[in-house]
Amino acid sequence: QVRLVESGGGLVQPGGSLRLSCAPSGSIFSIYTMGWYRQAPGKQREMVALLTSDGNTNYADSVKGRFTISRDNAKNPWYLQMNSLKPEDTAVYYCYASLRDVNRIRANYWGQGTQVTVSS
């Protein structure tokens, strides 16, 4: 069974930084796209940052220049470094992966979500 486990959320003041981690586990054959989405109260879930297996990245316009998605290698967690945080970044952040399991079945997976609150 595939799982994505997030960590690193919390409360931070405006202008501060946080780093989120997403650790994949289970019967994974290959991960094609990994990343982060977020959902603020009363709003739809939106893409924040995506990273493909060949190293391409895609960021929401609202976080470009402030957030960075990265991964050390194929067996490690991936990260979202969030700098210059703003109150409007407050949301539940969800880890995401599009992957193929050891049975070669491709599907999308989500983490349980971690709260990020930016407030003074």
Protein backbone atom coordinates (compact mmCIF):
# COMPACT_ATOMS: atom_id res chain seq x y z
CA GLN A 1 0.00 0.00 0.00
CA VAL A 2 1.30 3.43 -0.97
CA ARG A 3 1.42 6.21 1.58
CA LEU A 4 2.53 9.83 1.54
CA VAL A 5 3.42 11.24 4.95
CA GLU A 6 3.83 14.98 5.38
CA SER A 7 5.59 16.95 8.08
CA GLY A 8 6.76 20.47 8.76
CA GLY A 9 3.65 22.61 9.02
CA GLY A 10 3.01 25.09 11.79
CA LEU A 11 2.56 28.70 12.78
CA VAL A 12 4.92 31.34 11.43
CA GLN A 13 4.97 35.12 11.33
CA PRO A 14 4.65 37.02 8.05
CA GLY A 15 7.99 37.11 6.29
CA GLY A 16 9.09 33.88 7.93
CA SER A 17 10.00 30.51 6.47
CA LEU A 18 8.88 26.90 6.75
CA ARG A 19 9.92 23.68 5.06
CA LEU A 20 7.44 20.92 4.35
CA SER A 21 8.51 17.32 3.74
CA CYS A 22 6.67 14.48 2.04
CA ALA A 23 7.94 10.95 2.55
CA PRO A 24 6.63 8.27 0.19
CA SER A 25 6.43 4.65 1.31
CA GLY A 26 4.99 1.34 0.20
CA SER A 27 4.99 -0.62 -3.02
CA ILE A 28 6.12 2.10 -5.40
CA PHE A 29 7.56 1.26 -8.80
CA SER A 30 8.11 4.78 -10.10
CA ILE A 31 7.04 8.34 -9.29
CA TYR A 32 6.33 10.52 -12.32
CA THR A 33 5.14 13.77 -10.77
CA MET A 34 5.34 14.93 -7.18
CA GLY A 35 4.35 18.11 -5.49
CA TRP A 36 2.13 20.17 -3.26
CA TYR A 37 -1.40 21.52 -3.32
CA ARG A 38 -3.13 23.68 -0.76
CA GLN A 39 -6.66 24.47 0.33
CA ALA A 40 -7.66 27.55 2.29
CA PRO A 41 -11.01 27.76 4.14
CA GLY A 42 -13.87 28.33 1.71
CA LYS A 43 -11.64 27.91 -1.34
CA GLN A 44 -10.90 25.15 -3.82
CA ARG A 45 -7.74 23.11 -3.62
CA GLU A 46 -5.05 24.67 -5.82
CA MET A 47 -1.69 23.58 -7.17
CA VAL A 48 1.29 25.14 -5.42
CA ALA A 49 4.33 23.40 -6.92
CA LEU A 50 5.02 20.33 -9.03
CA LEU A 51 8.24 18.48 -9.88
CA THR A 52 8.50 15.84 -12.58
CA SER A 53 10.85 12.88 -12.55
CA ASP A 54 12.98 14.53 -15.24
CA GLY A 55 13.42 17.66 -13.15
CA ASN A 56 10.85 20.06 -14.59
CA THR A 57 9.07 22.34 -12.14
CA ASN A 58 5.82 24.27 -12.21
CA TYR A 59 4.75 26.87 -9.66
CA ALA A 60 1.60 28.80 -8.99
CA ASP A 61 2.08 32.46 -9.91
CA SER A 62 1.35 33.46 -6.33
CA VAL A 63 4.37 31.58 -4.96
CA LYS A 64 6.96 32.04 -7.73
CA GLY A 65 10.20 33.40 -6.34
CA ARG A 66 9.24 32.51 -2.76
CA PHE A 67 8.68 28.72 -2.76
CA THR A 68 11.02 26.02 -4.00
CA ILE A 69 10.24 22.35 -4.55
CA SER A 70 13.13 19.91 -4.45
CA ARG A 71 14.19 16.30 -3.98
CA ASP A 72 17.64 14.87 -3.35
CA ASN A 73 17.21 11.60 -5.22
CA ALA A 74 14.58 9.07 -6.20
CA LYS A 75 14.53 7.36 -2.80
CA ASN A 76 14.23 10.45 -0.65
CA PRO A 77 11.33 12.62 0.44
CA TRP A 78 10.57 15.81 -1.45
CA TYR A 79 10.41 19.22 0.08
CA LEU A 80 8.69 22.56 -0.22
CA GLN A 81 10.83 25.41 1.05
CA MET A 82 8.56 28.37 1.73
CA ASN A 83 10.14 31.78 2.24
CA SER A 84 8.71 35.26 2.66
CA LEU A 85 5.44 33.77 3.82
CA LYS A 86 2.29 35.87 3.67
CA PRO A 87 -1.00 35.57 5.54
CA GLU A 88 -2.64 34.51 2.26
CA ASP A 89 -0.41 31.43 2.24
CA THR A 90 -2.40 30.12 5.21
CA ALA A 91 -3.95 26.81 4.20
CA VAL A 92 -3.82 23.07 4.61
CA TYR A 93 -1.00 21.82 2.40
CA TYR A 94 -1.32 18.42 0.76
CA CYS A 95 1.47 16.30 -0.59
CA TYR A 96 0.71 14.77 -4.03
CA ALA A 97 2.21 12.12 -6.27
CA SER A 98 1.32 10.58 -9.60
CA LEU A 99 3.00 7.20 -9.57
CA ARG A 100 2.96 3.61 -10.71
CA ASP A 101 2.93 0.89 -8.07
CA VAL A 102 4.73 -2.45 -8.26
CA ASN A 103 1.69 -3.89 -10.08
CA ARG A 104 2.26 -1.19 -12.72
CA ILE A 105 -1.02 0.51 -11.86
CA ARG A 106 -0.80 4.29 -12.19
CA ALA A 107 -2.79 6.48 -9.83
CA ASN A 108 -2.73 9.75 -7.92
CA TYR A 109 -2.01 9.75 -4.20
CA TRP A 110 -2.44 12.38 -1.51
CA GLY A 111 -1.04 12.93 1.94
CA GLN A 112 -3.20 13.64 4.96
CA GLY A 113 -2.52 17.39 4.92
CA THR A 114 -0.54 19.68 7.19
CA GLN A 115 -1.69 23.08 8.45
CA VAL A 116 0.37 26.15 7.64
CA THR A 117 -0.71 29.34 9.40
CA VAL A 118 0.93 32.69 8.70
CA SER A 119 -0.03 35.22 11.32
CA SER A 120 1.46 37.80 13.64
